[in-house]
Amino acid sequence: MDMRQLVGRNFARLRAASGLTQEALAERCGFSQQYLSKLEQGKRNPTVVTLYLIAEGLGVSHVELVRED
């Protein structure tokens, strides 16, 4: 499986479960809403630091973003 797609799918699921919009999460993490949208679509290749900051904003472990279903 393509890791960008896996991260995007996990990110979308975790964000929805947290009840946050992309805009609200963008404010928490310091990323643009456009970047987060592309990440959810599997069109961005996030760094380890990016994964950590997003996970922190979601209140989950960074491992959750790369965990296979």
Protein backbone atom coordinates (compact mmCIF):
# COMPACT_ATOMS: atom_id res chain seq x y z
CA MET A 1 0.00 0.00 0.00
CA ASP A 2 1.13 3.53 -0.74
CA MET A 3 2.08 5.18 2.55
CA ARG A 4 0.71 8.55 1.43
CA GLN A 5 -2.71 6.94 0.92
CA LEU A 6 -2.49 5.10 4.26
CA VAL A 7 -1.57 8.26 6.16
CA GLY A 8 -4.30 10.20 4.38
CA ARG A 9 -6.97 7.64 5.19
CA ASN A 10 -5.89 7.38 8.84
CA PHE A 11 -5.67 11.13 9.16
CA ALA A 12 -9.17 11.65 7.75
CA ARG A 13 -10.61 8.97 10.06
CA LEU A 14 -8.89 10.32 13.18
CA ARG A 15 -9.80 13.92 12.38
CA ALA A 16 -13.45 13.01 11.85
CA ALA A 17 -13.49 10.97 15.07
CA SER A 18 -12.12 13.96 16.96
CA GLY A 19 -14.86 16.20 15.58
CA LEU A 20 -12.36 18.68 14.16
CA THR A 21 -12.62 20.41 10.81
CA GLN A 22 -9.52 20.77 8.67
CA GLU A 23 -9.56 24.47 9.50
CA ALA A 24 -9.68 23.88 13.26
CA LEU A 25 -6.89 21.33 13.09
CA ALA A 26 -4.83 23.63 10.88
CA GLU A 27 -4.98 26.28 13.61
CA ARG A 28 -3.87 23.76 16.24
CA CYS A 29 -0.98 22.37 14.17
CA GLY A 30 0.22 25.44 12.31
CA PHE A 31 -0.39 24.00 8.83
CA SER A 32 -2.67 25.43 6.18
CA GLN A 33 -6.06 23.90 5.54
CA GLN A 34 -4.96 23.34 1.94
CA TYR A 35 -1.96 21.31 3.07
CA LEU A 36 -4.12 19.16 5.34
CA SER A 37 -6.62 18.63 2.53
CA LYS A 38 -3.87 17.38 0.20
CA LEU A 39 -2.54 15.19 3.00
CA GLU A 40 -5.96 13.56 3.46
CA GLN A 41 -6.12 12.97 -0.29
CA GLY A 42 -2.76 11.18 -0.21
CA LYS A 43 -1.15 13.86 -2.37
CA ARG A 44 1.45 15.02 0.16
CA ASN A 45 4.50 13.25 1.49
CA PRO A 46 4.68 14.34 5.14
CA THR A 47 7.89 14.35 7.17
CA VAL A 48 8.21 12.62 10.50
CA VAL A 49 7.99 16.01 12.21
CA THR A 50 4.77 16.80 10.32
CA LEU A 51 3.24 13.48 11.38
CA TYR A 52 4.20 14.18 14.98
CA LEU A 53 2.69 17.69 14.97
CA ILE A 54 -0.54 16.51 13.36
CA ALA A 55 -0.85 13.60 15.80
CA GLU A 56 -0.26 16.01 18.67
CA GLY A 57 -3.04 18.26 17.33
CA LEU A 58 -5.36 15.25 17.12
CA GLY A 59 -4.41 14.05 20.59
CA VAL A 60 -3.19 10.65 19.36
CA SER A 61 0.11 8.87 18.97
CA HIS A 62 1.97 9.51 15.72
CA VAL A 63 1.93 5.74 15.24
CA GLU A 64 -1.83 5.92 14.63
CA LEU A 65 -1.19 7.83 11.40
CA VAL A 66 0.91 5.04 9.89
CA ARG A 67 -0.89 2.01 11.35
CA GLU A 68 -2.35 -0.36 8.76
CA ASP A 69 -6.05 -1.14 9.06
